[in-house]
Amino acid sequence: STDRGKTWHYLSTVAFDLSRTNTLTVGGFTEPDAVILPNGEILCFMRCVAGGTIRPLRMSRSNDGGETWSMPMPVADRGVMAVATVMENGVIAVIYGRPYNWLMFSTDEGHTWVGHFQFYHGAKAWDAWNYCAVEEVGPDTLLAVYGNADPDDVEEGEQMATFFTVKRKS
């Protein structure tokens, strides 16, 4: 949009599956989240739809303002509803789920990822569908928000939050 969102024009497609019979991606990509890096590159994280099995979280990169995108490459061995944030200290933090809830980090503009640690297990592997969010709320401080379902009643549950301190090594 060039008029503050009043009208929209097609720019590009981030990712699509050419073959619906491809057993590696099965059904394409959904649940995208994007961040703009200080160098102007855009990273887009997306779920790879799997039809009931665990599939890798994928990421595509654009270095021309979103006009073209790299092939969606795996950045984690699982992932639904990824949410990314670029911290003031330069660390990129990505939260993702299913099964369970996870965080991963990059200090090199998303070229490599470390951490991949499970911070919440829940009552079952698919707890609250493992949808979550993350945001920097202070210097070196992330707030992760996620659901906690009642294992006996999927209609009941609560929202939970955890703070994480994330410092970049000098």
N, C-alpha and C. Protein backbone atom coordinates (compact mmCIF):
# COMPACT_ATOMS: atom_id res chain seq x y z
N SER A 1 0.85 -1.18 0.00
CA SER A 1 0.00 0.00 0.00
C SER A 1 0.89 1.24 0.00
N THR A 2 0.48 2.20 -0.76
CA THR A 2 1.20 3.48 -0.77
C THR A 2 0.32 4.61 -0.23
N ASP A 3 -0.89 4.26 0.22
CA ASP A 3 -1.81 5.28 0.72
C ASP A 3 -2.31 4.95 2.13
N ARG A 4 -1.39 4.49 2.96
CA ARG A 4 -1.66 4.18 4.37
C ARG A 4 -2.74 3.10 4.54
N GLY A 5 -2.76 2.14 3.63
CA GLY A 5 -3.64 0.98 3.76
C GLY A 5 -5.02 1.12 3.16
N LYS A 6 -5.31 2.23 2.47
CA LYS A 6 -6.63 2.38 1.84
C LYS A 6 -6.79 1.42 0.66
N THR A 7 -5.73 1.25 -0.11
CA THR A 7 -5.74 0.30 -1.23
C THR A 7 -4.47 -0.54 -1.17
N TRP A 8 -4.57 -1.72 -1.76
CA TRP A 8 -3.44 -2.66 -1.73
C TRP A 8 -3.16 -3.17 -3.13
N HIS A 9 -1.90 -3.46 -3.41
CA HIS A 9 -1.48 -3.98 -4.70
C HIS A 9 -0.58 -5.18 -4.47
N TYR A 10 -0.69 -6.17 -5.34
CA TYR A 10 0.15 -7.36 -5.24
C TYR A 10 1.61 -7.00 -5.47
N LEU A 11 2.50 -7.49 -4.61
CA LEU A 11 3.93 -7.28 -4.76
C LEU A 11 4.64 -8.59 -5.11
N SER A 12 4.41 -9.64 -4.30
CA SER A 12 5.09 -10.91 -4.55
C SER A 12 4.47 -12.02 -3.71
N THR A 13 4.87 -13.24 -4.03
CA THR A 13 4.49 -14.40 -3.23
C THR A 13 5.73 -14.85 -2.49
N VAL A 14 5.62 -15.04 -1.19
CA VAL A 14 6.78 -15.46 -0.39
C VAL A 14 7.12 -16.92 -0.67
N ALA A 15 6.14 -17.81 -0.59
CA ALA A 15 6.40 -19.23 -0.78
C ALA A 15 5.14 -19.94 -1.22
N PHE A 16 5.30 -20.96 -2.02
CA PHE A 16 4.17 -21.81 -2.40
C PHE A 16 4.72 -23.18 -2.76
N ASP A 17 3.86 -24.16 -2.71
CA ASP A 17 4.22 -25.54 -2.99
C ASP A 17 3.78 -25.87 -4.41
N LEU A 18 4.75 -26.13 -5.29
CA LEU A 18 4.42 -26.44 -6.68
C LEU A 18 3.70 -27.77 -6.84
N SER A 19 3.95 -28.69 -5.91
CA SER A 19 3.40 -30.04 -6.03
C SER A 19 2.66 -30.42 -4.77
N ARG A 20 1.37 -30.50 -4.85
CA ARG A 20 0.56 -30.87 -3.69
C ARG A 20 0.79 -32.32 -3.28
N THR A 21 1.46 -33.10 -4.12
CA THR A 21 1.75 -34.49 -3.77
C THR A 21 3.14 -34.64 -3.16
N ASN A 22 3.86 -33.54 -3.01
CA ASN A 22 5.19 -33.56 -2.42
C ASN A 22 5.05 -33.91 -0.94
N THR A 23 5.60 -35.04 -0.51
CA THR A 23 5.44 -35.48 0.87
C THR A 23 6.29 -34.68 1.85
N LEU A 24 7.16 -33.81 1.35
CA LEU A 24 7.98 -33.00 2.25
C LEU A 24 7.26 -31.75 2.72
N THR A 25 6.32 -31.24 1.95
CA THR A 25 5.62 -30.03 2.37
C THR A 25 4.12 -30.20 2.50
N VAL A 26 3.50 -31.09 1.82
CA VAL A 26 2.09 -31.44 1.93
C VAL A 26 1.20 -30.24 2.22
N GLY A 27 0.73 -29.60 1.19
CA GLY A 27 -0.31 -28.60 1.39
C GLY A 27 0.16 -27.18 1.47
N GLY A 28 1.40 -26.89 1.39
CA GLY A 28 1.86 -25.51 1.34
C GLY A 28 2.26 -24.92 2.67
N PHE A 29 2.17 -23.59 2.74
CA PHE A 29 2.70 -22.83 3.87
C PHE A 29 1.61 -21.93 4.45
N THR A 30 1.59 -21.79 5.77
CA THR A 30 0.59 -20.96 6.44
C THR A 30 1.22 -20.28 7.64
N GLU A 31 0.42 -19.49 8.36
CA GLU A 31 0.79 -18.85 9.62
C GLU A 31 2.12 -18.09 9.53
N PRO A 32 2.23 -17.14 8.59
CA PRO A 32 3.48 -16.40 8.44
C PRO A 32 3.66 -15.30 9.48
N ASP A 33 4.91 -15.00 9.76
CA ASP A 33 5.27 -13.82 10.55
C ASP A 33 6.57 -13.28 9.97
N ALA A 34 6.69 -11.97 9.86
CA ALA A 34 7.87 -11.38 9.24
C ALA A 34 8.46 -10.31 10.14
N VAL A 35 9.78 -10.15 10.03
CA VAL A 35 10.49 -9.06 10.71
C VAL A 35 11.41 -8.39 9.71
N ILE A 36 11.61 -7.10 9.89
CA ILE A 36 12.56 -6.35 9.08
C ILE A 36 13.81 -6.15 9.93
N LEU A 37 14.94 -6.57 9.40
CA LEU A 37 16.21 -6.46 10.10
C LEU A 37 16.78 -5.05 9.94
N PRO A 38 17.69 -4.65 10.84
CA PRO A 38 18.30 -3.32 10.72
C PRO A 38 18.98 -3.09 9.36
N ASN A 39 19.46 -4.16 8.71
CA ASN A 39 20.11 -4.01 7.40
C ASN A 39 19.10 -3.92 6.25
N GLY A 40 17.80 -3.96 6.56
CA GLY A 40 16.75 -3.83 5.55
C GLY A 40 16.21 -5.15 5.03
N GLU A 41 16.88 -6.26 5.31
CA GLU A 41 16.38 -7.55 4.86
C GLU A 41 15.10 -7.89 5.61
N ILE A 42 14.25 -8.70 4.99
CA ILE A 42 13.02 -9.17 5.62
C ILE A 42 13.13 -10.67 5.78
N LEU A 43 12.81 -11.17 6.97
CA LEU A 43 12.74 -12.60 7.21
C LEU A 43 11.28 -12.96 7.42
N CYS A 44 10.82 -14.01 6.74
CA CYS A 44 9.44 -14.48 6.90
C CYS A 44 9.48 -15.93 7.37
N PHE A 45 8.87 -16.19 8.52
CA PHE A 45 8.79 -17.53 9.09
C PHE A 45 7.41 -18.09 8.78
N MET A 46 7.34 -19.40 8.49
CA MET A 46 6.06 -19.97 8.13
C MET A 46 5.96 -21.43 8.52
N ARG A 47 4.75 -21.81 8.82
CA ARG A 47 4.43 -23.20 9.09
C ARG A 47 4.34 -23.95 7.77
N CYS A 48 4.79 -25.17 7.80
CA CYS A 48 4.67 -26.07 6.65
C CYS A 48 3.53 -27.03 6.98
N VAL A 49 2.42 -26.91 6.28
CA VAL A 49 1.23 -27.70 6.59
C VAL A 49 1.51 -29.17 6.34
N ALA A 50 1.12 -30.01 7.30
CA ALA A 50 1.57 -31.39 7.25
C ALA A 50 0.48 -32.44 7.32
N GLY A 51 -0.73 -32.10 7.59
CA GLY A 51 -1.77 -33.11 7.67
C GLY A 51 -1.60 -34.08 8.82
N GLY A 52 -1.26 -33.56 9.99
CA GLY A 52 -1.21 -34.40 11.17
C GLY A 52 0.16 -34.85 11.61
N THR A 53 1.20 -34.53 10.88
CA THR A 53 2.55 -34.90 11.32
C THR A 53 3.38 -33.65 11.56
N ILE A 54 4.47 -33.81 12.26
CA ILE A 54 5.35 -32.69 12.58
C ILE A 54 6.19 -32.36 11.35
N ARG A 55 6.21 -31.10 10.97
CA ARG A 55 7.00 -30.63 9.83
C ARG A 55 7.88 -29.47 10.27
N PRO A 56 8.98 -29.22 9.56
CA PRO A 56 9.90 -28.15 9.95
C PRO A 56 9.28 -26.76 9.82
N LEU A 57 9.71 -25.87 10.71
CA LEU A 57 9.44 -24.45 10.57
C LEU A 57 10.36 -23.94 9.46
N ARG A 58 9.82 -23.14 8.55
CA ARG A 58 10.60 -22.66 7.40
C ARG A 58 10.78 -21.15 7.47
N MET A 59 11.82 -20.67 6.78
CA MET A 59 12.10 -19.24 6.71
C MET A 59 12.52 -18.88 5.29
N SER A 60 11.97 -17.77 4.77
CA SER A 60 12.41 -17.19 3.51
C SER A 60 12.97 -15.81 3.80
N ARG A 61 13.87 -15.36 2.93
CA ARG A 61 14.55 -14.08 3.11
C ARG A 61 14.38 -13.24 1.85
N SER A 62 14.15 -11.94 2.06
CA SER A 62 14.11 -10.99 0.95
C SER A 62 15.13 -9.90 1.22
N ASN A 63 15.92 -9.58 0.23
CA ASN A 63 16.88 -8.47 0.39
C ASN A 63 16.56 -7.32 -0.56
N ASP A 64 15.33 -7.33 -1.12
CA ASP A 64 14.93 -6.25 -2.03
C ASP A 64 13.55 -5.70 -1.69
N GLY A 65 13.29 -5.59 -0.39
CA GLY A 65 12.02 -5.01 0.04
C GLY A 65 10.80 -5.88 -0.18
N GLY A 66 11.01 -7.19 -0.34
CA GLY A 66 9.90 -8.11 -0.50
C GLY A 66 9.51 -8.40 -1.94
N GLU A 67 10.27 -7.90 -2.89
CA GLU A 67 9.94 -8.17 -4.30
C GLU A 67 10.27 -9.61 -4.68
N THR A 68 11.36 -10.16 -4.14
CA THR A 68 11.71 -11.55 -4.38
C THR A 68 12.09 -12.19 -3.05
N TRP A 69 11.96 -13.53 -3.01
CA TRP A 69 12.20 -14.27 -1.78
C TRP A 69 13.03 -15.52 -2.06
N SER A 70 13.84 -15.90 -1.05
CA SER A 70 14.60 -17.14 -1.16
C SER A 70 13.65 -18.33 -1.00
N MET A 71 14.12 -19.51 -1.37
CA MET A 71 13.35 -20.72 -1.13
C MET A 71 13.12 -20.86 0.38
N PRO A 72 11.97 -21.34 0.82
CA PRO A 72 11.71 -21.51 2.25
C PRO A 72 12.52 -22.69 2.80
N MET A 73 13.51 -22.40 3.61
CA MET A 73 14.40 -23.42 4.16
C MET A 73 14.03 -23.72 5.62
N PRO A 74 14.23 -24.97 6.05
CA PRO A 74 13.96 -25.31 7.45
C PRO A 74 14.91 -24.59 8.40
N VAL A 75 14.34 -24.06 9.49
CA VAL A 75 15.16 -23.43 10.54
C VAL A 75 14.94 -24.09 11.89
N ALA A 76 13.93 -24.94 12.00
CA ALA A 76 13.67 -25.72 13.21
C ALA A 76 12.98 -27.01 12.78
N ASP A 77 13.08 -28.02 13.58
CA ASP A 77 12.53 -29.33 13.19
C ASP A 77 11.02 -29.41 13.34
N ARG A 78 10.39 -28.37 13.87
CA ARG A 78 8.94 -28.31 14.05
C ARG A 78 8.54 -26.86 14.07
N GLY A 79 7.25 -26.59 14.01
CA GLY A 79 6.87 -25.20 14.19
C GLY A 79 5.51 -24.83 13.65
N VAL A 80 4.67 -24.34 14.55
CA VAL A 80 3.42 -23.69 14.18
C VAL A 80 3.44 -22.30 14.79
N MET A 81 2.74 -21.41 14.16
CA MET A 81 2.51 -20.05 14.67
C MET A 81 3.77 -19.37 15.21
N ALA A 82 4.82 -19.35 14.40
CA ALA A 82 6.06 -18.68 14.80
C ALA A 82 5.82 -17.18 14.89
N VAL A 83 6.43 -16.56 15.89
CA VAL A 83 6.41 -15.11 16.05
C VAL A 83 7.85 -14.68 16.30
N ALA A 84 8.30 -13.70 15.53
CA ALA A 84 9.69 -13.25 15.61
C ALA A 84 9.77 -11.81 16.09
N THR A 85 10.87 -11.47 16.74
CA THR A 85 11.14 -10.10 17.13
C THR A 85 12.64 -9.86 17.05
N VAL A 86 13.01 -8.64 16.66
CA VAL A 86 14.41 -8.25 16.63
C VAL A 86 14.65 -7.39 17.86
N MET A 87 15.51 -7.87 18.74
CA MET A 87 15.78 -7.16 19.99
C MET A 87 16.75 -5.99 19.76
N GLU A 88 16.72 -5.03 20.67
CA GLU A 88 17.62 -3.88 20.58
C GLU A 88 19.09 -4.30 20.57
N ASN A 89 19.41 -5.43 21.22
CA ASN A 89 20.79 -5.91 21.28
C ASN A 89 21.20 -6.66 20.01
N GLY A 90 20.30 -6.74 19.02
CA GLY A 90 20.61 -7.37 17.75
C GLY A 90 20.24 -8.83 17.65
N VAL A 91 19.81 -9.44 18.73
CA VAL A 91 19.41 -10.84 18.71
C VAL A 91 18.02 -10.94 18.09
N ILE A 92 17.86 -11.89 17.17
CA ILE A 92 16.53 -12.20 16.64
C ILE A 92 16.00 -13.36 17.47
N ALA A 93 14.84 -13.20 18.06
CA ALA A 93 14.21 -14.25 18.86
C ALA A 93 12.95 -14.72 18.13
N VAL A 94 12.78 -16.04 18.05
CA VAL A 94 11.59 -16.62 17.42
C VAL A 94 10.99 -17.63 18.38
N ILE A 95 9.70 -17.46 18.64
CA ILE A 95 8.96 -18.41 19.47
C ILE A 95 8.10 -19.25 18.53
N TYR A 96 7.96 -20.53 18.82
CA TYR A 96 7.16 -21.41 17.97
C TYR A 96 6.68 -22.59 18.79
N GLY A 97 5.72 -23.32 18.25
CA GLY A 97 5.14 -24.40 19.02
C GLY A 97 4.91 -25.68 18.24
N ARG A 98 4.40 -26.63 18.93
CA ARG A 98 3.88 -27.92 18.54
C ARG A 98 4.89 -28.89 17.95
N PRO A 99 5.08 -29.95 18.67
CA PRO A 99 4.58 -30.11 20.03
C PRO A 99 5.40 -29.27 21.02
N TYR A 100 4.72 -28.82 22.05
CA TYR A 100 5.28 -27.99 23.13
C TYR A 100 5.63 -26.59 22.62
N ASN A 101 6.24 -25.76 23.47
CA ASN A 101 6.60 -24.39 23.11
C ASN A 101 8.11 -24.22 23.16
N TRP A 102 8.65 -23.51 22.16
CA TRP A 102 10.09 -23.41 21.95
C TRP A 102 10.52 -21.98 21.65
N LEU A 103 11.81 -21.69 21.91
CA LEU A 103 12.45 -20.44 21.51
C LEU A 103 13.74 -20.77 20.77
N MET A 104 14.08 -19.95 19.77
CA MET A 104 15.38 -20.05 19.11
C MET A 104 15.88 -18.64 18.87
N PHE A 105 17.21 -18.52 18.63
CA PHE A 105 17.84 -17.22 18.53
C PHE A 105 18.86 -17.19 17.40
N SER A 106 19.07 -15.99 16.85
CA SER A 106 20.11 -15.78 15.86
C SER A 106 20.84 -14.48 16.18
N THR A 107 22.16 -14.51 16.05
CA THR A 107 22.97 -13.30 16.23
C THR A 107 23.65 -12.90 14.93
N ASP A 108 23.29 -13.57 13.83
CA ASP A 108 23.92 -13.27 12.53
C ASP A 108 22.88 -13.03 11.44
N GLU A 109 21.88 -12.21 11.75
CA GLU A 109 20.82 -11.84 10.80
C GLU A 109 20.04 -13.03 10.27
N GLY A 110 19.92 -14.10 11.06
CA GLY A 110 19.09 -15.23 10.69
C GLY A 110 19.76 -16.26 9.80
N HIS A 111 21.08 -16.19 9.68
CA HIS A 111 21.79 -17.19 8.87
C HIS A 111 21.97 -18.50 9.63
N THR A 112 22.13 -18.41 10.95
CA THR A 112 22.20 -19.61 11.79
C THR A 112 21.31 -19.39 13.01
N TRP A 113 20.85 -20.50 13.57
CA TRP A 113 19.93 -20.46 14.72
C TRP A 113 20.45 -21.33 15.83
N VAL A 114 20.37 -20.82 17.06
CA VAL A 114 20.81 -21.55 18.24
C VAL A 114 19.68 -21.54 19.27
N GLY A 115 19.87 -22.30 20.31
CA GLY A 115 18.88 -22.38 21.38
C GLY A 115 17.97 -23.55 21.16
N HIS A 116 16.92 -23.33 20.36
CA HIS A 116 15.93 -24.37 20.13
C HIS A 116 15.59 -25.08 21.44
N PHE A 117 15.24 -24.29 22.44
CA PHE A 117 14.94 -24.92 23.72
C PHE A 117 13.45 -24.86 24.03
N GLN A 118 13.00 -25.93 24.63
CA GLN A 118 11.60 -26.07 25.02
C GLN A 118 11.43 -25.39 26.37
N PHE A 119 10.60 -24.35 26.41
CA PHE A 119 10.41 -23.63 27.67
C PHE A 119 9.10 -23.98 28.35
N TYR A 120 8.20 -24.66 27.63
CA TYR A 120 6.94 -25.04 28.25
C TYR A 120 6.49 -26.37 27.68
N HIS A 121 6.16 -27.28 28.56
CA HIS A 121 5.77 -28.63 28.15
C HIS A 121 4.25 -28.77 28.10
N GLY A 122 3.56 -28.33 29.10
CA GLY A 122 2.11 -28.42 29.13
C GLY A 122 1.60 -29.80 29.50
N ALA A 123 0.28 -29.88 29.60
CA ALA A 123 -0.35 -31.12 30.02
C ALA A 123 -0.34 -32.18 28.93
N LYS A 124 -0.23 -31.74 27.69
CA LYS A 124 -0.15 -32.68 26.56
C LYS A 124 0.65 -32.03 25.45
N ALA A 125 1.10 -32.81 24.49
CA ALA A 125 1.98 -32.31 23.43
C ALA A 125 1.34 -31.18 22.63
N TRP A 126 0.02 -31.18 22.52
CA TRP A 126 -0.67 -30.19 21.71
C TRP A 126 -1.39 -29.16 22.60
N ASP A 127 -0.82 -28.85 23.75
CA ASP A 127 -1.44 -27.97 24.72
C ASP A 127 -1.77 -26.61 24.13
N ALA A 128 -3.04 -26.24 24.21
CA ALA A 128 -3.54 -24.95 23.70
C ALA A 128 -3.10 -24.72 22.26
N TRP A 129 -2.93 -25.82 21.55
CA TRP A 129 -2.45 -25.80 20.16
C TRP A 129 -1.08 -25.18 20.02
N ASN A 130 -0.43 -24.87 21.15
CA ASN A 130 0.93 -24.35 21.19
C ASN A 130 1.10 -23.04 20.42
N TYR A 131 0.07 -22.23 20.40
CA TYR A 131 0.20 -20.91 19.81
C TYR A 131 0.72 -19.96 20.89
N CYS A 132 1.62 -19.09 20.50
CA CYS A 132 2.28 -18.24 21.48
C CYS A 132 2.75 -16.94 20.81
N ALA A 133 3.27 -16.04 21.60
CA ALA A 133 3.79 -14.77 21.09
C ALA A 133 4.97 -14.33 21.94
N VAL A 134 5.82 -13.49 21.36
CA VAL A 134 6.99 -12.99 22.09
C VAL A 134 7.22 -11.53 21.70
N GLU A 135 7.68 -10.75 22.66
CA GLU A 135 7.98 -9.33 22.42
C GLU A 135 9.06 -8.89 23.40
N GLU A 136 9.93 -8.01 22.94
CA GLU A 136 10.91 -7.42 23.86
C GLU A 136 10.20 -6.35 24.66
N VAL A 137 10.29 -6.42 25.99
CA VAL A 137 9.58 -5.49 26.86
C VAL A 137 10.51 -4.60 27.67
N GLY A 138 11.80 -4.80 27.52
CA GLY A 138 12.81 -4.01 28.21
C GLY A 138 14.18 -4.43 27.70
N PRO A 139 15.22 -3.73 28.13
CA PRO A 139 16.56 -4.11 27.67
C PRO A 139 16.86 -5.58 27.99
N ASP A 140 17.22 -6.35 26.96
CA ASP A 140 17.59 -7.77 27.11
C ASP A 140 16.48 -8.62 27.73
N THR A 141 15.22 -8.17 27.64
CA THR A 141 14.12 -8.89 28.29
C THR A 141 13.00 -9.19 27.30
N LEU A 142 12.69 -10.49 27.19
CA LEU A 142 11.59 -10.95 26.36
C LEU A 142 10.42 -11.36 27.24
N LEU A 143 9.21 -11.13 26.75
CA LEU A 143 8.00 -11.65 27.38
C LEU A 143 7.39 -12.65 26.42
N ALA A 144 7.29 -13.91 26.85
CA ALA A 144 6.65 -14.96 26.07
C ALA A 144 5.27 -15.21 26.65
N VAL A 145 4.24 -15.22 25.79
CA VAL A 145 2.87 -15.45 26.21
C VAL A 145 2.37 -16.70 25.50
N TYR A 146 1.69 -17.58 26.23
CA TYR A 146 1.27 -18.86 25.66
C TYR A 146 0.07 -19.39 26.44
N GLY A 147 -0.62 -20.35 25.84
CA GLY A 147 -1.80 -20.91 26.46
C GLY A 147 -1.49 -22.17 27.26
N ASN A 148 -2.30 -22.38 28.26
CA ASN A 148 -2.22 -23.59 29.08
C ASN A 148 -3.63 -24.17 29.12
N ALA A 149 -3.84 -25.27 28.39
CA ALA A 149 -5.17 -25.86 28.30
C ALA A 149 -5.43 -26.82 29.46
N ASP A 150 -6.68 -26.93 29.83
CA ASP A 150 -7.10 -27.93 30.80
C ASP A 150 -7.10 -29.28 30.08
N PRO A 151 -6.31 -30.26 30.53
CA PRO A 151 -6.22 -31.53 29.82
C PRO A 151 -7.54 -32.29 29.76
N ASP A 152 -8.48 -31.96 30.64
CA ASP A 152 -9.77 -32.65 30.65
C ASP A 152 -10.87 -31.89 29.92
N ASP A 153 -10.60 -30.64 29.54
CA ASP A 153 -11.62 -29.83 28.89
C ASP A 153 -10.94 -28.84 27.96
N VAL A 154 -10.95 -29.11 26.65
CA VAL A 154 -10.26 -28.26 25.69
C VAL A 154 -10.85 -26.86 25.60
N GLU A 155 -12.04 -26.66 26.14
CA GLU A 155 -12.65 -25.34 26.13
C GLU A 155 -12.17 -24.47 27.29
N GLU A 156 -11.47 -25.06 28.23
CA GLU A 156 -11.00 -24.33 29.41
C GLU A 156 -9.48 -24.20 29.38
N GLY A 157 -8.98 -23.16 29.98
CA GLY A 157 -7.54 -22.96 30.06
C GLY A 157 -7.23 -21.55 30.52
N GLU A 158 -5.97 -21.20 30.42
CA GLU A 158 -5.53 -19.88 30.88
C GLU A 158 -4.37 -19.42 30.02
N GLN A 159 -4.16 -18.13 30.01
CA GLN A 159 -3.00 -17.56 29.34
C GLN A 159 -1.89 -17.41 30.36
N MET A 160 -0.70 -17.78 29.96
CA MET A 160 0.45 -17.71 30.86
C MET A 160 1.52 -16.83 30.21
N ALA A 161 2.47 -16.37 31.01
CA ALA A 161 3.55 -15.54 30.50
C ALA A 161 4.83 -15.84 31.28
N THR A 162 5.94 -15.74 30.59
CA THR A 162 7.25 -15.96 31.20
C THR A 162 8.21 -14.92 30.66
N PHE A 163 9.04 -14.36 31.52
CA PHE A 163 10.10 -13.43 31.10
C PHE A 163 11.38 -14.22 30.86
N PHE A 164 12.13 -13.81 29.85
CA PHE A 164 13.45 -14.38 29.57
C PHE A 164 14.46 -13.26 29.42
N THR A 165 15.61 -13.43 30.02
CA THR A 165 16.72 -12.51 29.83
C THR A 165 17.59 -13.05 28.70
N VAL A 166 17.79 -12.22 27.67
CA VAL A 166 18.57 -12.64 26.51
C VAL A 166 19.65 -11.59 26.27
N LYS A 167 20.89 -11.95 26.58
CA LYS A 167 22.01 -11.03 26.40
C LYS A 167 22.89 -11.52 25.27
N ARG A 168 23.37 -10.58 24.50
CA ARG A 168 24.27 -10.91 23.39
C ARG A 168 25.69 -10.86 23.91
N LYS A 169 26.45 -11.92 23.61
CA LYS A 169 27.86 -11.95 24.02
C LYS A 169 28.63 -10.92 23.19
N SER A 170 29.53 -10.25 23.83
CA SER A 170 30.34 -9.22 23.14
C SER A 170 31.36 -9.84 22.23
